[in-house]
Amino acid sequence: MTKEIKEQEEIETSRNIQQFFDDMRMLGDQLRDKSLVKPVFDSGAPEVTNYLLWLILGELVDLNYNLEEED
């Protein structure tokens, strides 16, 4: 039973990571698309960069916590 749960969690984790990378690829494609009208957005602003880093850190901490629970 625990082996099945562990396998299911591994599948869900890999899906979440894959979804994250798919989203990042989609955003990158949209940013490079010259035909799209984009709002003014300073992606290098310290506030934006800091916010994105905190989001990434939160996801990594959550994934790490889930992995530690499995052990």
C-alpha atoms as a PDB file:
ATOM      1  CA  MET A   1       0.000   0.000   0.000  1.00  0.00           C
ATOM      2  CA  THR A   2       2.733   2.503   0.916  1.00  0.00           C
ATOM      3  CA  LYS A   3       4.639   1.626  -2.253  1.00  0.00           C
ATOM      4  CA  GLU A   4       1.586   2.567  -4.349  1.00  0.00           C
ATOM      5  CA  ILE A   5       1.199   5.857  -2.455  1.00  0.00           C
ATOM      6  CA  LYS A   6       4.890   6.652  -2.914  1.00  0.00           C
ATOM      7  CA  GLU A   7       4.667   5.938  -6.654  1.00  0.00           C
ATOM      8  CA  GLN A   8       1.560   8.148  -6.950  1.00  0.00           C
ATOM      9  CA  GLU A   9       3.326  11.003  -5.135  1.00  0.00           C
ATOM     10  CA  GLU A  10       6.339  10.657  -7.443  1.00  0.00           C
ATOM     11  CA  ILE A  11       4.058  10.873 -10.477  1.00  0.00           C
ATOM     12  CA  GLU A  12       2.275  13.945  -9.067  1.00  0.00           C
ATOM     13  CA  THR A  13       5.585  15.643  -8.229  1.00  0.00           C
ATOM     14  CA  SER A  14       6.992  15.027 -11.696  1.00  0.00           C
ATOM     15  CA  ARG A  15       3.731  16.315 -13.232  1.00  0.00           C
ATOM     16  CA  ASN A  16       3.921  19.477 -11.111  1.00  0.00           C
ATOM     17  CA  ILE A  17       7.537  20.070 -12.097  1.00  0.00           C
ATOM     18  CA  GLN A  18       6.751  19.398 -15.753  1.00  0.00           C
ATOM     19  CA  GLN A  19       3.766  21.788 -15.593  1.00  0.00           C
ATOM     20  CA  PHE A  20       6.037  24.480 -14.107  1.00  0.00           C
ATOM     21  CA  PHE A  21       8.560  24.096 -16.921  1.00  0.00           C
ATOM     22  CA  ASP A  22       5.786  24.047 -19.526  1.00  0.00           C
ATOM     23  CA  ASP A  23       4.399  27.287 -18.069  1.00  0.00           C
ATOM     24  CA  MET A  24       7.846  28.895 -18.106  1.00  0.00           C
ATOM     25  CA  ARG A  25       8.379  27.820 -21.730  1.00  0.00           C
ATOM     26  CA  MET A  26       4.979  29.265 -22.702  1.00  0.00           C
ATOM     27  CA  LEU A  27       5.808  32.561 -20.986  1.00  0.00           C
ATOM     28  CA  GLY A  28       9.171  32.673 -22.722  1.00  0.00           C
ATOM     29  CA  ASP A  29       7.543  32.054 -26.106  1.00  0.00           C
ATOM     30  CA  GLN A  30       5.016  34.815 -25.455  1.00  0.00           C
ATOM     31  CA  LEU A  31       7.723  37.261 -24.402  1.00  0.00           C
ATOM     32  CA  ARG A  32       9.682  36.621 -27.609  1.00  0.00           C
ATOM     33  CA  ASP A  33       6.601  36.844 -29.865  1.00  0.00           C
ATOM     34  CA  LYS A  34       6.832  40.255 -31.541  1.00  0.00           C
ATOM     35  CA  SER A  35       3.234  40.137 -32.811  1.00  0.00           C
ATOM     36  CA  LEU A  36       1.752  40.104 -29.293  1.00  0.00           C
ATOM     37  CA  VAL A  37       0.976  43.482 -27.735  1.00  0.00           C
ATOM     38  CA  LYS A  38       2.426  43.305 -24.256  1.00  0.00           C
ATOM     39  CA  PRO A  39       1.771  45.630 -21.329  1.00  0.00           C
ATOM     40  CA  VAL A  40       4.674  47.608 -19.975  1.00  0.00           C
ATOM     41  CA  PHE A  41       6.323  45.381 -17.411  1.00  0.00           C
ATOM     42  CA  ASP A  42       9.759  45.837 -15.925  1.00  0.00           C
ATOM     43  CA  SER A  43      10.630  42.214 -15.277  1.00  0.00           C
ATOM     44  CA  GLY A  44      14.035  43.221 -13.929  1.00  0.00           C
ATOM     45  CA  ALA A  45      12.609  45.473 -11.230  1.00  0.00           C
ATOM     46  CA  PRO A  46      13.831  44.449  -7.777  1.00  0.00           C
ATOM     47  CA  GLU A  47      10.266  44.000  -6.494  1.00  0.00           C
ATOM     48  CA  VAL A  48       9.332  41.621  -9.311  1.00  0.00           C
ATOM     49  CA  THR A  49      12.578  39.672  -9.167  1.00  0.00           C
ATOM     50  CA  ASN A  50      12.331  39.330  -5.388  1.00  0.00           C
ATOM     51  CA  TYR A  51       8.708  38.157  -5.609  1.00  0.00           C
ATOM     52  CA  LEU A  52       9.525  35.534  -8.230  1.00  0.00           C
ATOM     53  CA  LEU A  53      12.471  34.283  -6.201  1.00  0.00           C
ATOM     54  CA  TRP A  54      10.244  33.905  -3.143  1.00  0.00           C
ATOM     55  CA  LEU A  55       7.723  31.924  -5.201  1.00  0.00           C
ATOM     56  CA  ILE A  56      10.453  29.595  -6.451  1.00  0.00           C
ATOM     57  CA  LEU A  57      11.861  29.209  -2.940  1.00  0.00           C
ATOM     58  CA  GLY A  58       8.408  28.347  -1.608  1.00  0.00           C
ATOM     59  CA  GLU A  59       7.942  25.656  -4.246  1.00  0.00           C
ATOM     60  CA  LEU A  60      11.377  24.170  -3.548  1.00  0.00           C
ATOM     61  CA  VAL A  61      10.793  24.126   0.220  1.00  0.00           C
ATOM     62  CA  ASP A  62       7.430  22.437  -0.313  1.00  0.00           C
ATOM     63  CA  LEU A  63       8.943  19.792  -2.606  1.00  0.00           C
ATOM     64  CA  ASN A  64      11.819  19.218  -0.167  1.00  0.00           C
ATOM     65  CA  TYR A  65       9.397  18.852   2.751  1.00  0.00           C
ATOM     66  CA  ASN A  66       7.341  16.291   0.820  1.00  0.00           C
ATOM     67  CA  LEU A  67      10.482  14.315  -0.029  1.00  0.00           C
ATOM     68  CA  GLU A  68      11.607  14.326   3.601  1.00  0.00           C
ATOM     69  CA  GLU A  69       8.208  13.016   4.700  1.00  0.00           C
ATOM     70  CA  GLU A  70       8.619  10.033   2.378  1.00  0.00           C
ATOM     71  CA  ASP A  71      11.897   9.012   4.005  1.00  0.00           C
END
